[in-house]
Amino acid sequence: MTASLGAVSWAVVSEAVVSAVEPDPDLLIVCGEQPSWFCEGAWNATHNRMLARAADWFVTRPLLTAVVLLVAWLLNRYLRRVVTVFVTRLTTGRQLANEALQKIGVDRPAETMRINARDRGRAETLAAVSRASVSWFVWSMAVLVVLGIFNIDLAPLLAGAGIAGIALGFGAQTLVRDCISGFFILLEDQCGVGDEVDLGEAVGTVESLTLRMTSVRGVDGTLWNVPNGVIQRVGNRTRSWSQGVVDITIWFDGDIDDALAAVHEGIAVAIEVPELAEVLLQPPTVLGVERLDASGTVLRVTVRTKPGKQWAAMREVRLAIRRSLVEHDIPLHPPVAPGRPLPPNA
């Protein structure tokens, strides 16, 4: 008798364990192989397929979607901040290093300590592009996860997106090239707004610089719009400092020593001009005889100034040297026969 009761009890326990391990087949049909808590609870309470599926579609999946979107929002905010800090440190690393050296007592020139508007604008542009890229990636992944929650087949969608991406890539490859080139121009600080640059055909002052295009205003007023992808070289004439070259032609009858003395005297007068003195980084340098040609002996003077100030400085130096040469009767042209006009460069 006791053995019979034990067998019956063991059979009941075994049936309970099996029923716990093996879920209701109808539940799997209604709620899927991994039923959610709401769907399973609605099915166990009512055994109504419509109510169980409604609980799954209108409670479980919206809640999961909300959780995914919340996580994506938090992750997006965190990554945007990280990218902003990284790009800012990358673009202003030299200035930050100088500030750190100054804090420990190492003096640095004031010019190297200044984070100017150009540096801030460059950092903001690169940070904005990086933040947009991060947001696009995070929200694209979130959308794909949400579509998976609602059992939407992603294979045709991804295949269509891949084909569209390939077509768009072929059609917009020039645009992509321009934007990538512009990103590295900004990142490496090859040039900025206000710089005097030589981009090949386009020579002048940079008026605007975007990811896609660089606008350069020529000396004659022409505005050159150059796509960044076609820029093969960037000649920056105003990076850190600028330098101008002044050539003076002396006729062969003139004494070179007297001419050099007159040039030095003219430079000494020029550097006393307040407008010139405040833009000069060092006194103009007389290099000496540059070349000999049919027009005479050419003397060369270099003028180093603050960025972009070389043109006005060169005009002041030329004027002062011209006056000094005339004052010392240094011939600038061959003797003129009576009744003949002076040469054009006299």
C-alpha atoms as a PDB file:
ATOM      1  CA  MET A   1       0.000   0.000   0.000  1.00  0.00           C
ATOM      2  CA  THR A   2       2.746   2.370   0.948  1.00  0.00           C
ATOM      3  CA  ALA A   3       4.615   1.511  -2.246  1.00  0.00           C
ATOM      4  CA  SER A   4       1.500   2.280  -4.307  1.00  0.00           C
ATOM      5  CA  LEU A   5       1.086   5.695  -2.662  1.00  0.00           C
ATOM      6  CA  GLY A   6       4.770   6.464  -3.280  1.00  0.00           C
ATOM      7  CA  ALA A   7       4.449   5.552  -6.937  1.00  0.00           C
ATOM      8  CA  VAL A   8       1.363   7.744  -7.325  1.00  0.00           C
ATOM      9  CA  SER A   9       3.111  10.700  -5.626  1.00  0.00           C
ATOM     10  CA  TRP A  10       6.190  10.317  -7.822  1.00  0.00           C
ATOM     11  CA  ALA A  11       3.989  10.219 -10.924  1.00  0.00           C
ATOM     12  CA  VAL A  12       2.254  13.486  -9.873  1.00  0.00           C
ATOM     13  CA  VAL A  13       5.564  15.224  -9.214  1.00  0.00           C
ATOM     14  CA  SER A  14       7.027  14.000 -12.500  1.00  0.00           C
ATOM     15  CA  GLU A  15       3.973  15.279 -14.412  1.00  0.00           C
ATOM     16  CA  ALA A  16       4.269  18.657 -12.695  1.00  0.00           C
ATOM     17  CA  VAL A  17       7.980  18.934 -13.550  1.00  0.00           C
ATOM     18  CA  VAL A  18       7.350  17.950 -17.166  1.00  0.00           C
ATOM     19  CA  SER A  19       4.519  20.463 -17.459  1.00  0.00           C
ATOM     20  CA  ALA A  20       6.809  23.153 -15.992  1.00  0.00           C
ATOM     21  CA  VAL A  21       9.629  22.331 -18.389  1.00  0.00           C
ATOM     22  CA  GLU A  22       7.472  21.924 -21.456  1.00  0.00           C
ATOM     23  CA  PRO A  23       5.331  25.067 -22.001  1.00  0.00           C
ATOM     24  CA  ASP A  24       1.849  24.978 -23.369  1.00  0.00           C
ATOM     25  CA  PRO A  25       1.991  24.393 -27.166  1.00  0.00           C
ATOM     26  CA  ASP A  26      -0.864  26.847 -27.655  1.00  0.00           C
ATOM     27  CA  LEU A  27       1.098  29.465 -25.739  1.00  0.00           C
ATOM     28  CA  LEU A  28       4.025  29.049 -28.126  1.00  0.00           C
ATOM     29  CA  ILE A  29       1.681  29.433 -31.097  1.00  0.00           C
ATOM     30  CA  VAL A  30       0.120  32.614 -29.725  1.00  0.00           C
ATOM     31  CA  CYS A  31       3.108  34.334 -28.094  1.00  0.00           C
ATOM     32  CA  GLY A  32       6.054  32.796 -29.927  1.00  0.00           C
ATOM     33  CA  GLU A  33       8.953  30.641 -28.796  1.00  0.00           C
ATOM     34  CA  GLN A  34      10.008  33.212 -26.219  1.00  0.00           C
ATOM     35  CA  PRO A  35       6.734  34.535 -24.827  1.00  0.00           C
ATOM     36  CA  SER A  36       6.790  37.852 -23.029  1.00  0.00           C
ATOM     37  CA  TRP A  37       5.548  38.224 -19.481  1.00  0.00           C
ATOM     38  CA  PHE A  38       2.432  40.179 -20.495  1.00  0.00           C
ATOM     39  CA  CYS A  39       1.486  37.811 -23.316  1.00  0.00           C
ATOM     40  CA  GLU A  40       1.962  34.714 -21.169  1.00  0.00           C
ATOM     41  CA  GLY A  41       0.049  36.261 -18.284  1.00  0.00           C
ATOM     42  CA  ALA A  42      -2.861  37.247 -20.527  1.00  0.00           C
ATOM     43  CA  TRP A  43      -2.946  33.749 -22.046  1.00  0.00           C
ATOM     44  CA  ASN A  44      -2.827  31.984 -18.675  1.00  0.00           C
ATOM     45  CA  ALA A  45      -5.565  34.233 -17.335  1.00  0.00           C
ATOM     46  CA  THR A  46      -7.977  34.145 -20.274  1.00  0.00           C
ATOM     47  CA  HIS A  47      -6.742  31.557 -22.817  1.00  0.00           C
ATOM     48  CA  ASN A  48      -7.906  34.077 -25.394  1.00  0.00           C
ATOM     49  CA  ARG A  49      -5.582  34.374 -28.383  1.00  0.00           C
ATOM     50  CA  MET A  50      -6.726  37.878 -29.310  1.00  0.00           C
ATOM     51  CA  LEU A  51      -6.188  39.269 -25.822  1.00  0.00           C
ATOM     52  CA  ALA A  52      -2.781  37.589 -25.493  1.00  0.00           C
ATOM     53  CA  ARG A  53      -1.598  38.966 -28.822  1.00  0.00           C
ATOM     54  CA  ALA A  54      -3.021  42.388 -28.004  1.00  0.00           C
ATOM     55  CA  ALA A  55      -1.088  42.397 -24.725  1.00  0.00           C
ATOM     56  CA  ASP A  56       2.050  41.489 -26.631  1.00  0.00           C
ATOM     57  CA  TRP A  57       1.624  44.096 -29.394  1.00  0.00           C
ATOM     58  CA  PHE A  58       0.224  46.996 -27.361  1.00  0.00           C
ATOM     59  CA  VAL A  59       2.057  46.534 -24.068  1.00  0.00           C
ATOM     60  CA  THR A  60       5.224  44.448 -24.358  1.00  0.00           C
ATOM     61  CA  ARG A  61       6.582  45.718 -27.656  1.00  0.00           C
ATOM     62  CA  PRO A  62       5.900  49.419 -27.013  1.00  0.00           C
ATOM     63  CA  LEU A  63       7.625  49.074 -23.630  1.00  0.00           C
ATOM     64  CA  LEU A  64      10.643  47.405 -25.248  1.00  0.00           C
ATOM     65  CA  THR A  65      10.662  50.125 -27.909  1.00  0.00           C
ATOM     66  CA  ALA A  66      10.616  52.800 -25.226  1.00  0.00           C
ATOM     67  CA  VAL A  67      13.528  51.119 -23.436  1.00  0.00           C
ATOM     68  CA  VAL A  68      15.532  50.865 -26.681  1.00  0.00           C
ATOM     69  CA  LEU A  69      14.878  54.514 -27.535  1.00  0.00           C
ATOM     70  CA  LEU A  70      15.802  55.608 -24.015  1.00  0.00           C
ATOM     71  CA  VAL A  71      19.081  53.671 -24.157  1.00  0.00           C
ATOM     72  CA  ALA A  72      19.799  55.081 -27.623  1.00  0.00           C
ATOM     73  CA  TRP A  73      19.104  58.614 -26.386  1.00  0.00           C
ATOM     74  CA  LEU A  74      21.415  58.225 -23.380  1.00  0.00           C
ATOM     75  CA  LEU A  75      24.134  56.583 -25.476  1.00  0.00           C
ATOM     76  CA  ASN A  76      23.819  59.280 -28.128  1.00  0.00           C
ATOM     77  CA  ARG A  77      24.211  62.068 -25.560  1.00  0.00           C
ATOM     78  CA  TYR A  78      27.240  60.396 -23.979  1.00  0.00           C
ATOM     79  CA  LEU A  79      28.972  59.692 -27.294  1.00  0.00           C
ATOM     80  CA  ARG A  80      28.294  63.226 -28.573  1.00  0.00           C
ATOM     81  CA  ARG A  81      29.970  64.666 -25.493  1.00  0.00           C
ATOM     82  CA  VAL A  82      32.922  62.308 -25.796  1.00  0.00           C
ATOM     83  CA  VAL A  83      33.363  63.162 -29.486  1.00  0.00           C
ATOM     84  CA  THR A  84      33.150  66.897 -28.766  1.00  0.00           C
ATOM     85  CA  VAL A  85      35.820  66.691 -26.067  1.00  0.00           C
ATOM     86  CA  PHE A  86      38.053  64.508 -28.239  1.00  0.00           C
ATOM     87  CA  VAL A  87      37.833  66.778 -31.298  1.00  0.00           C
ATOM     88  CA  THR A  88      38.353  69.916 -29.202  1.00  0.00           C
ATOM     89  CA  ARG A  89      41.465  68.485 -27.578  1.00  0.00           C
ATOM     90  CA  LEU A  90      42.721  67.247 -30.927  1.00  0.00           C
ATOM     91  CA  THR A  91      42.311  70.625 -32.664  1.00  0.00           C
ATOM     92  CA  THR A  92      43.568  72.766 -29.765  1.00  0.00           C
ATOM     93  CA  GLY A  93      46.183  70.396 -28.384  1.00  0.00           C
ATOM     94  CA  ARG A  94      49.084  72.794 -28.888  1.00  0.00           C
ATOM     95  CA  GLN A  95      47.351  75.620 -27.049  1.00  0.00           C
ATOM     96  CA  LEU A  96      46.325  73.326 -24.201  1.00  0.00           C
ATOM     97  CA  ALA A  97      49.909  72.073 -23.898  1.00  0.00           C
ATOM     98  CA  ASN A  98      51.176  75.651 -23.732  1.00  0.00           C
ATOM     99  CA  GLU A  99      48.679  76.442 -20.986  1.00  0.00           C
ATOM    100  CA  ALA A 100      49.828  73.403 -19.017  1.00  0.00           C
ATOM    101  CA  LEU A 101      53.461  74.487 -19.361  1.00  0.00           C
ATOM    102  CA  GLN A 102      52.580  77.954 -18.172  1.00  0.00           C
ATOM    103  CA  LYS A 103      50.886  76.540 -15.065  1.00  0.00           C
ATOM    104  CA  ILE A 104      54.105  74.785 -14.037  1.00  0.00           C
ATOM    105  CA  GLY A 105      56.138  77.944 -14.549  1.00  0.00           C
ATOM    106  CA  VAL A 106      57.372  77.614 -18.135  1.00  0.00           C
ATOM    107  CA  ASP A 107      56.781  80.899 -19.926  1.00  0.00           C
ATOM    108  CA  ARG A 108      55.395  80.695 -23.432  1.00  0.00           C
ATOM    109  CA  PRO A 109      54.966  83.471 -25.998  1.00  0.00           C
ATOM    110  CA  ALA A 110      51.606  85.181 -25.763  1.00  0.00           C
ATOM    111  CA  GLU A 111      50.900  84.480 -29.419  1.00  0.00           C
ATOM    112  CA  THR A 112      51.140  80.721 -28.902  1.00  0.00           C
ATOM    113  CA  MET A 113      48.891  80.887 -25.850  1.00  0.00           C
ATOM    114  CA  ARG A 114      45.942  82.421 -27.630  1.00  0.00           C
ATOM    115  CA  ILE A 115      43.104  80.199 -28.854  1.00  0.00           C
ATOM    116  CA  ASN A 116      41.685  82.537 -31.460  1.00  0.00           C
ATOM    117  CA  ALA A 117      38.322  82.605 -33.167  1.00  0.00           C
ATOM    118  CA  ARG A 118      39.667  80.596 -36.089  1.00  0.00           C
ATOM    119  CA  ASP A 119      40.696  77.719 -33.820  1.00  0.00           C
ATOM    120  CA  ARG A 120      37.374  77.764 -32.008  1.00  0.00           C
ATOM    121  CA  GLY A 121      35.449  77.861 -35.289  1.00  0.00           C
ATOM    122  CA  ARG A 122      37.462  74.956 -36.668  1.00  0.00           C
ATOM    123  CA  ALA A 123      36.864  72.913 -33.519  1.00  0.00           C
ATOM    124  CA  GLU A 124      33.133  73.688 -33.579  1.00  0.00           C
ATOM    125  CA  THR A 125      32.810  72.685 -37.237  1.00  0.00           C
ATOM    126  CA  LEU A 126      34.614  69.384 -36.776  1.00  0.00           C
ATOM    127  CA  ALA A 127      32.733  68.651 -33.563  1.00  0.00           C
ATOM    128  CA  ALA A 128      29.396  69.333 -35.266  1.00  0.00           C
ATOM    129  CA  VAL A 129      30.235  66.938 -38.098  1.00  0.00           C
ATOM    130  CA  SER A 130      31.402  64.261 -35.663  1.00  0.00           C
ATOM    131  CA  ARG A 131      28.302  64.640 -33.495  1.00  0.00           C
ATOM    132  CA  ALA A 132      26.039  64.330 -36.528  1.00  0.00           C
ATOM    133  CA  SER A 133      27.847  61.152 -37.609  1.00  0.00           C
ATOM    134  CA  VAL A 134      27.526  59.628 -34.133  1.00  0.00           C
ATOM    135  CA  SER A 135      23.812  60.493 -33.937  1.00  0.00           C
ATOM    136  CA  TRP A 136      23.165  59.016 -37.364  1.00  0.00           C
ATOM    137  CA  PHE A 137      24.869  55.747 -36.427  1.00  0.00           C
ATOM    138  CA  VAL A 138      23.215  55.379 -32.998  1.00  0.00           C
ATOM    139  CA  TRP A 139      19.691  56.140 -34.200  1.00  0.00           C
ATOM    140  CA  SER A 140      20.082  53.918 -37.268  1.00  0.00           C
ATOM    141  CA  MET A 141      20.966  51.005 -35.002  1.00  0.00           C
ATOM    142  CA  ALA A 142      18.040  51.867 -32.716  1.00  0.00           C
ATOM    143  CA  VAL A 143      15.601  51.877 -35.638  1.00  0.00           C
ATOM    144  CA  LEU A 144      16.832  48.456 -36.768  1.00  0.00           C
ATOM    145  CA  VAL A 145      16.398  47.056 -33.246  1.00  0.00           C
ATOM    146  CA  VAL A 146      12.862  48.484 -33.023  1.00  0.00           C
ATOM    147  CA  LEU A 147      11.947  46.951 -36.365  1.00  0.00           C
ATOM    148  CA  GLY A 148      13.221  43.621 -35.074  1.00  0.00           C
ATOM    149  CA  ILE A 149      11.047  43.955 -31.956  1.00  0.00           C
ATOM    150  CA  PHE A 150       7.952  44.193 -34.167  1.00  0.00           C
ATOM    151  CA  ASN A 151       9.069  41.110 -36.155  1.00  0.00           C
ATOM    152  CA  ILE A 152       9.604  43.065 -39.354  1.00  0.00           C
ATOM    153  CA  ASP A 153      11.838  41.118 -41.729  1.00  0.00           C
ATOM    154  CA  LEU A 154      15.001  43.186 -42.094  1.00  0.00           C
ATOM    155  CA  ALA A 155      16.570  41.154 -44.900  1.00  0.00           C
ATOM    156  CA  PRO A 156      14.655  42.823 -47.797  1.00  0.00           C
ATOM    157  CA  LEU A 157      15.058  46.219 -46.113  1.00  0.00           C
ATOM    158  CA  LEU A 158      18.815  45.805 -45.703  1.00  0.00           C
ATOM    159  CA  ALA A 159      19.156  44.487 -49.241  1.00  0.00           C
ATOM    160  CA  GLY A 160      17.249  47.468 -50.630  1.00  0.00           C
ATOM    161  CA  ALA A 161      19.257  49.865 -48.481  1.00  0.00           C
ATOM    162  CA  GLY A 162      22.469  48.241 -49.727  1.00  0.00           C
ATOM    163  CA  ILE A 163      21.468  48.640 -53.351  1.00  0.00           C
ATOM    164  CA  ALA A 164      20.383  52.235 -52.750  1.00  0.00           C
ATOM    165  CA  GLY A 165      23.651  52.913 -50.918  1.00  0.00           C
ATOM    166  CA  ILE A 166      25.690  51.562 -53.833  1.00  0.00           C
ATOM    167  CA  ALA A 167      23.746  53.679 -56.327  1.00  0.00           C
ATOM    168  CA  LEU A 168      24.055  56.734 -54.106  1.00  0.00           C
ATOM    169  CA  GLY A 169      27.757  56.054 -53.623  1.00  0.00           C
ATOM    170  CA  PHE A 170      28.388  56.025 -57.375  1.00  0.00           C
ATOM    171  CA  GLY A 171      26.316  59.136 -57.908  1.00  0.00           C
ATOM    172  CA  ALA A 172      27.654  61.110 -54.962  1.00  0.00           C
ATOM    173  CA  GLN A 173      31.253  59.937 -54.880  1.00  0.00           C
ATOM    174  CA  THR A 174      32.463  63.423 -55.811  1.00  0.00           C
ATOM    175  CA  LEU A 175      30.464  64.935 -52.958  1.00  0.00           C
ATOM    176  CA  VAL A 176      31.804  62.350 -50.521  1.00  0.00           C
ATOM    177  CA  ARG A 177      35.361  63.004 -51.711  1.00  0.00           C
ATOM    178  CA  ASP A 178      34.903  66.750 -51.271  1.00  0.00           C
ATOM    179  CA  CYS A 179      33.517  66.343 -47.750  1.00  0.00           C
ATOM    180  CA  ILE A 180      36.267  63.961 -46.645  1.00  0.00           C
ATOM    181  CA  SER A 181      38.938  66.281 -48.048  1.00  0.00           C
ATOM    182  CA  GLY A 182      37.312  69.259 -46.336  1.00  0.00           C
ATOM    183  CA  PHE A 183      37.232  67.382 -43.035  1.00  0.00           C
ATOM    184  CA  PHE A 184      40.980  66.771 -43.159  1.00  0.00           C
ATOM    185  CA  ILE A 185      41.688  70.348 -44.308  1.00  0.00           C
ATOM    186  CA  LEU A 186      39.895  71.569 -41.187  1.00  0.00           C
ATOM    187  CA  LEU A 187      41.390  68.900 -38.936  1.00  0.00           C
ATOM    188  CA  GLU A 188      44.959  69.610 -40.046  1.00  0.00           C
ATOM    189  CA  ASP A 189      44.350  73.375 -40.146  1.00  0.00           C
ATOM    190  CA  GLN A 190      45.836  73.701 -43.616  1.00  0.00           C
ATOM    191  CA  CYS A 191      44.102  77.042 -44.073  1.00  0.00           C
ATOM    192  CA  GLY A 192      41.345  79.141 -42.559  1.00  0.00           C
ATOM    193  CA  VAL A 193      39.161  82.159 -43.201  1.00  0.00           C
ATOM    194  CA  GLY A 194      41.344  85.224 -43.776  1.00  0.00           C
ATOM    195  CA  ASP A 195      44.445  83.309 -44.899  1.00  0.00           C
ATOM    196  CA  GLU A 196      46.310  84.201 -48.075  1.00  0.00           C
ATOM    197  CA  VAL A 197      46.495  80.934 -50.001  1.00  0.00           C
ATOM    198  CA  ASP A 198      47.647  79.515 -53.317  1.00  0.00           C
ATOM    199  CA  LEU A 199      45.449  76.623 -54.452  1.00  0.00           C
ATOM    200  CA  GLY A 200      46.814  76.474 -57.977  1.00  0.00           C
ATOM    201  CA  GLU A 201      44.461  78.421 -60.229  1.00  0.00           C
ATOM    202  CA  ALA A 202      42.869  80.143 -57.236  1.00  0.00           C
ATOM    203  CA  VAL A 203      45.153  82.582 -55.431  1.00  0.00           C
ATOM    204  CA  GLY A 204      43.869  85.058 -52.865  1.00  0.00           C
ATOM    205  CA  THR A 205      42.160  85.365 -49.492  1.00  0.00           C
ATOM    206  CA  VAL A 206      39.979  82.596 -48.072  1.00  0.00           C
ATOM    207  CA  GLU A 207      36.491  84.004 -47.474  1.00  0.00           C
ATOM    208  CA  SER A 208      34.725  80.809 -46.431  1.00  0.00           C
ATOM    209  CA  LEU A 209      35.668  77.203 -45.770  1.00  0.00           C
ATOM    210  CA  THR A 210      33.132  74.386 -45.506  1.00  0.00           C
ATOM    211  CA  LEU A 211      33.355  70.618 -45.708  1.00  0.00           C
ATOM    212  CA  ARG A 212      32.566  70.708 -49.422  1.00  0.00           C
ATOM    213  CA  MET A 213      34.077  73.908 -50.791  1.00  0.00           C
ATOM    214  CA  THR A 214      36.682  76.612 -50.214  1.00  0.00           C
ATOM    215  CA  SER A 215      35.935  80.140 -51.456  1.00  0.00           C
ATOM    216  CA  VAL A 216      38.952  82.299 -52.329  1.00  0.00           C
ATOM    217  CA  ARG A 217      38.785  85.994 -53.273  1.00  0.00           C
ATOM    218  CA  GLY A 218      41.470  86.945 -55.783  1.00  0.00           C
ATOM    219  CA  VAL A 219      43.353  90.239 -55.855  1.00  0.00           C
ATOM    220  CA  ASP A 220      41.246  91.367 -58.839  1.00  0.00           C
ATOM    221  CA  GLY A 221      38.032  90.656 -56.910  1.00  0.00           C
ATOM    222  CA  THR A 222      37.265  87.296 -58.511  1.00  0.00           C
ATOM    223  CA  LEU A 223      35.632  84.832 -56.107  1.00  0.00           C
ATOM    224  CA  TRP A 224      36.939  81.327 -56.743  1.00  0.00           C
ATOM    225  CA  ASN A 225      34.796  78.454 -55.411  1.00  0.00           C
ATOM    226  CA  VAL A 226      37.056  75.412 -55.291  1.00  0.00           C
ATOM    227  CA  PRO A 227      35.692  71.944 -54.345  1.00  0.00           C
ATOM    228  CA  ASN A 228      37.902  70.511 -51.628  1.00  0.00           C
ATOM    229  CA  GLY A 229      38.266  67.208 -53.456  1.00  0.00           C
ATOM    230  CA  VAL A 230      40.212  68.779 -56.342  1.00  0.00           C
ATOM    231  CA  ILE A 231      42.699  70.658 -54.136  1.00  0.00           C
ATOM    232  CA  GLN A 232      46.084  69.033 -54.727  1.00  0.00           C
ATOM    233  CA  ARG A 233      48.135  71.495 -52.696  1.00  0.00           C
ATOM    234  CA  VAL A 234      47.577  74.357 -50.285  1.00  0.00           C
ATOM    235  CA  GLY A 235      50.127  77.157 -50.192  1.00  0.00           C
ATOM    236  CA  ASN A 236      49.415  79.209 -47.055  1.00  0.00           C
ATOM    237  CA  ARG A 237      51.144  82.576 -47.125  1.00  0.00           C
ATOM    238  CA  THR A 238      49.911  83.737 -43.727  1.00  0.00           C
ATOM    239  CA  ARG A 239      50.515  80.754 -41.465  1.00  0.00           C
ATOM    240  CA  SER A 240      52.089  81.976 -38.184  1.00  0.00           C
ATOM    241  CA  TRP A 241      53.898  84.790 -40.028  1.00  0.00           C
ATOM    242  CA  SER A 242      54.185  86.318 -43.488  1.00  0.00           C
ATOM    243  CA  GLN A 243      57.145  87.434 -45.537  1.00  0.00           C
ATOM    244  CA  GLY A 244      57.385  89.801 -48.453  1.00  0.00           C
ATOM    245  CA  VAL A 245      60.231  90.259 -50.952  1.00  0.00           C
ATOM    246  CA  VAL A 246      61.297  93.695 -52.219  1.00  0.00           C
ATOM    247  CA  ASP A 247      63.597  93.784 -55.259  1.00  0.00           C
ATOM    248  CA  ILE A 248      65.420  97.034 -56.120  1.00  0.00           C
ATOM    249  CA  THR A 249      67.074  97.423 -59.529  1.00  0.00           C
ATOM    250  CA  ILE A 250      70.187  99.628 -59.662  1.00  0.00           C
ATOM    251  CA  TRP A 251      71.724 100.686 -62.979  1.00  0.00           C
ATOM    252  CA  PHE A 252      75.252  99.395 -63.691  1.00  0.00           C
ATOM    253  CA  ASP A 253      76.765 102.884 -63.329  1.00  0.00           C
ATOM    254  CA  GLY A 254      75.703 103.022 -59.684  1.00  0.00           C
ATOM    255  CA  ASP A 255      78.081 102.045 -56.918  1.00  0.00           C
ATOM    256  CA  ILE A 256      76.816  98.919 -55.162  1.00  0.00           C
ATOM    257  CA  ASP A 257      78.252  99.867 -51.771  1.00  0.00           C
ATOM    258  CA  ASP A 258      76.593 103.283 -51.929  1.00  0.00           C
ATOM    259  CA  ALA A 259      73.364 101.652 -53.056  1.00  0.00           C
ATOM    260  CA  LEU A 260      73.436  99.193 -50.171  1.00  0.00           C
ATOM    261  CA  ALA A 261      74.138 102.006 -47.724  1.00  0.00           C
ATOM    262  CA  ALA A 262      71.179 103.947 -49.131  1.00  0.00           C
ATOM    263  CA  VAL A 263      68.935 100.878 -48.831  1.00  0.00           C
ATOM    264  CA  HIS A 264      69.931 100.411 -45.176  1.00  0.00           C
ATOM    265  CA  GLU A 265      69.267 104.084 -44.530  1.00  0.00           C
ATOM    266  CA  GLY A 266      65.841 103.851 -46.122  1.00  0.00           C
ATOM    267  CA  ILE A 267      65.006 100.784 -44.012  1.00  0.00           C
ATOM    268  CA  ALA A 268      66.072 102.607 -40.846  1.00  0.00           C
ATOM    269  CA  VAL A 269      63.646 105.410 -41.708  1.00  0.00           C
ATOM    270  CA  ALA A 270      60.846 102.953 -42.573  1.00  0.00           C
ATOM    271  CA  ILE A 271      60.923 101.048 -39.290  1.00  0.00           C
ATOM    272  CA  GLU A 272      60.330 104.308 -37.433  1.00  0.00           C
ATOM    273  CA  VAL A 273      56.865 104.561 -38.973  1.00  0.00           C
ATOM    274  CA  PRO A 274      54.423 103.470 -36.215  1.00  0.00           C
ATOM    275  CA  GLU A 275      52.074 101.634 -38.595  1.00  0.00           C
ATOM    276  CA  LEU A 276      54.991  99.578 -39.910  1.00  0.00           C
ATOM    277  CA  ALA A 277      56.729  99.008 -36.588  1.00  0.00           C
ATOM    278  CA  GLU A 278      53.686  97.364 -35.019  1.00  0.00           C
ATOM    279  CA  VAL A 279      53.373  94.721 -37.741  1.00  0.00           C
ATOM    280  CA  LEU A 280      57.060  93.873 -38.185  1.00  0.00           C
ATOM    281  CA  LEU A 281      58.326  90.739 -36.457  1.00  0.00           C
ATOM    282  CA  GLN A 282      61.934  91.692 -37.168  1.00  0.00           C
ATOM    283  CA  PRO A 283      63.716  94.494 -39.043  1.00  0.00           C
ATOM    284  CA  PRO A 284      63.780  94.065 -42.845  1.00  0.00           C
ATOM    285  CA  THR A 285      66.805  92.058 -43.964  1.00  0.00           C
ATOM    286  CA  VAL A 286      69.027  93.127 -46.872  1.00  0.00           C
ATOM    287  CA  LEU A 287      70.126  89.926 -48.600  1.00  0.00           C
ATOM    288  CA  GLY A 288      72.416  91.725 -51.049  1.00  0.00           C
ATOM    289  CA  VAL A 289      72.778  91.260 -54.799  1.00  0.00           C
ATOM    290  CA  GLU A 290      70.095  88.865 -56.025  1.00  0.00           C
ATOM    291  CA  ARG A 291      70.887  88.803 -59.743  1.00  0.00           C
ATOM    292  CA  LEU A 292      72.311  90.690 -62.723  1.00  0.00           C
ATOM    293  CA  ASP A 293      70.242  91.193 -65.851  1.00  0.00           C
ATOM    294  CA  ALA A 294      69.784  93.635 -68.718  1.00  0.00           C
ATOM    295  CA  SER A 295      67.970  96.134 -66.507  1.00  0.00           C
ATOM    296  CA  GLY A 296      70.795  96.376 -63.959  1.00  0.00           C
ATOM    297  CA  THR A 297      71.812  94.959 -60.600  1.00  0.00           C
ATOM    298  CA  VAL A 298      68.950  93.651 -58.482  1.00  0.00           C
ATOM    299  CA  LEU A 299      69.164  93.992 -54.696  1.00  0.00           C
ATOM    300  CA  ARG A 300      66.774  91.972 -52.525  1.00  0.00           C
ATOM    301  CA  VAL A 301      65.194  92.846 -49.183  1.00  0.00           C
ATOM    302  CA  THR A 302      62.921  90.545 -47.156  1.00  0.00           C
ATOM    303  CA  VAL A 303      60.227  91.833 -44.819  1.00  0.00           C
ATOM    304  CA  ARG A 304      58.790  89.484 -42.163  1.00  0.00           C
ATOM    305  CA  THR A 305      55.508  90.585 -40.592  1.00  0.00           C
ATOM    306  CA  LYS A 306      52.483  89.376 -38.706  1.00  0.00           C
ATOM    307  CA  PRO A 307      50.168  87.156 -40.766  1.00  0.00           C
ATOM    308  CA  GLY A 308      48.650  88.983 -43.728  1.00  0.00           C
ATOM    309  CA  LYS A 309      50.430  92.295 -43.083  1.00  0.00           C
ATOM    310  CA  GLN A 310      53.266  91.889 -45.581  1.00  0.00           C
ATOM    311  CA  TRP A 311      51.680  93.809 -48.462  1.00  0.00           C
ATOM    312  CA  ALA A 312      51.265  97.103 -46.615  1.00  0.00           C
ATOM    313  CA  ALA A 313      54.708  96.688 -45.024  1.00  0.00           C
ATOM    314  CA  MET A 314      56.333  96.126 -48.424  1.00  0.00           C
ATOM    315  CA  ARG A 315      54.775  99.327 -49.781  1.00  0.00           C
ATOM    316  CA  GLU A 316      56.167 101.361 -46.880  1.00  0.00           C
ATOM    317  CA  VAL A 317      59.626  99.806 -47.293  1.00  0.00           C
ATOM    318  CA  ARG A 318      59.651 100.445 -51.053  1.00  0.00           C
ATOM    319  CA  LEU A 319      58.669 104.063 -50.537  1.00  0.00           C
ATOM    320  CA  ALA A 320      61.387 104.691 -47.941  1.00  0.00           C
ATOM    321  CA  ILE A 321      64.083 102.956 -50.029  1.00  0.00           C
ATOM    322  CA  ARG A 322      63.047 104.866 -53.152  1.00  0.00           C
ATOM    323  CA  ARG A 323      63.377 108.194 -51.369  1.00  0.00           C
ATOM    324  CA  SER A 324      66.770 107.246 -49.938  1.00  0.00           C
ATOM    325  CA  LEU A 325      68.128 106.164 -53.359  1.00  0.00           C
ATOM    326  CA  VAL A 326      66.947 109.374 -54.992  1.00  0.00           C
ATOM    327  CA  GLU A 327      68.446 111.423 -52.163  1.00  0.00           C
ATOM    328  CA  HIS A 328      71.855 109.746 -52.687  1.00  0.00           C
ATOM    329  CA  ASP A 329      71.672 110.042 -56.506  1.00  0.00           C
ATOM    330  CA  ILE A 330      71.779 106.290 -57.045  1.00  0.00           C
ATOM    331  CA  PRO A 331      70.856 105.665 -60.704  1.00  0.00           C
ATOM    332  CA  LEU A 332      67.813 103.469 -61.150  1.00  0.00           C
ATOM    333  CA  HIS A 333      67.863 103.555 -64.975  1.00  0.00           C
ATOM    334  CA  PRO A 334      70.373 104.088 -67.780  1.00  0.00           C
ATOM    335  CA  PRO A 335      71.279 107.642 -68.779  1.00  0.00           C
ATOM    336  CA  VAL A 336      68.566 109.238 -70.893  1.00  0.00           C
ATOM    337  CA  ALA A 337      69.485 111.018 -74.118  1.00  0.00           C
ATOM    338  CA  PRO A 338      68.154 114.577 -74.452  1.00  0.00           C
ATOM    339  CA  GLY A 339      64.606 114.618 -75.767  1.00  0.00           C
ATOM    340  CA  ARG A 340      63.896 110.956 -74.947  1.00  0.00           C
ATOM    341  CA  PRO A 341      61.421 109.907 -72.231  1.00  0.00           C
ATOM    342  CA  LEU A 342      62.439 108.014 -69.116  1.00  0.00           C
ATOM    343  CA  PRO A 343      62.036 104.250 -69.141  1.00  0.00           C
ATOM    344  CA  PRO A 344      58.745 102.942 -67.656  1.00  0.00           C
ATOM    345  CA  ASN A 345      60.385 101.630 -64.458  1.00  0.00           C
ATOM    346  CA  ALA A 346      62.316 104.793 -63.659  1.00  0.00           C
END
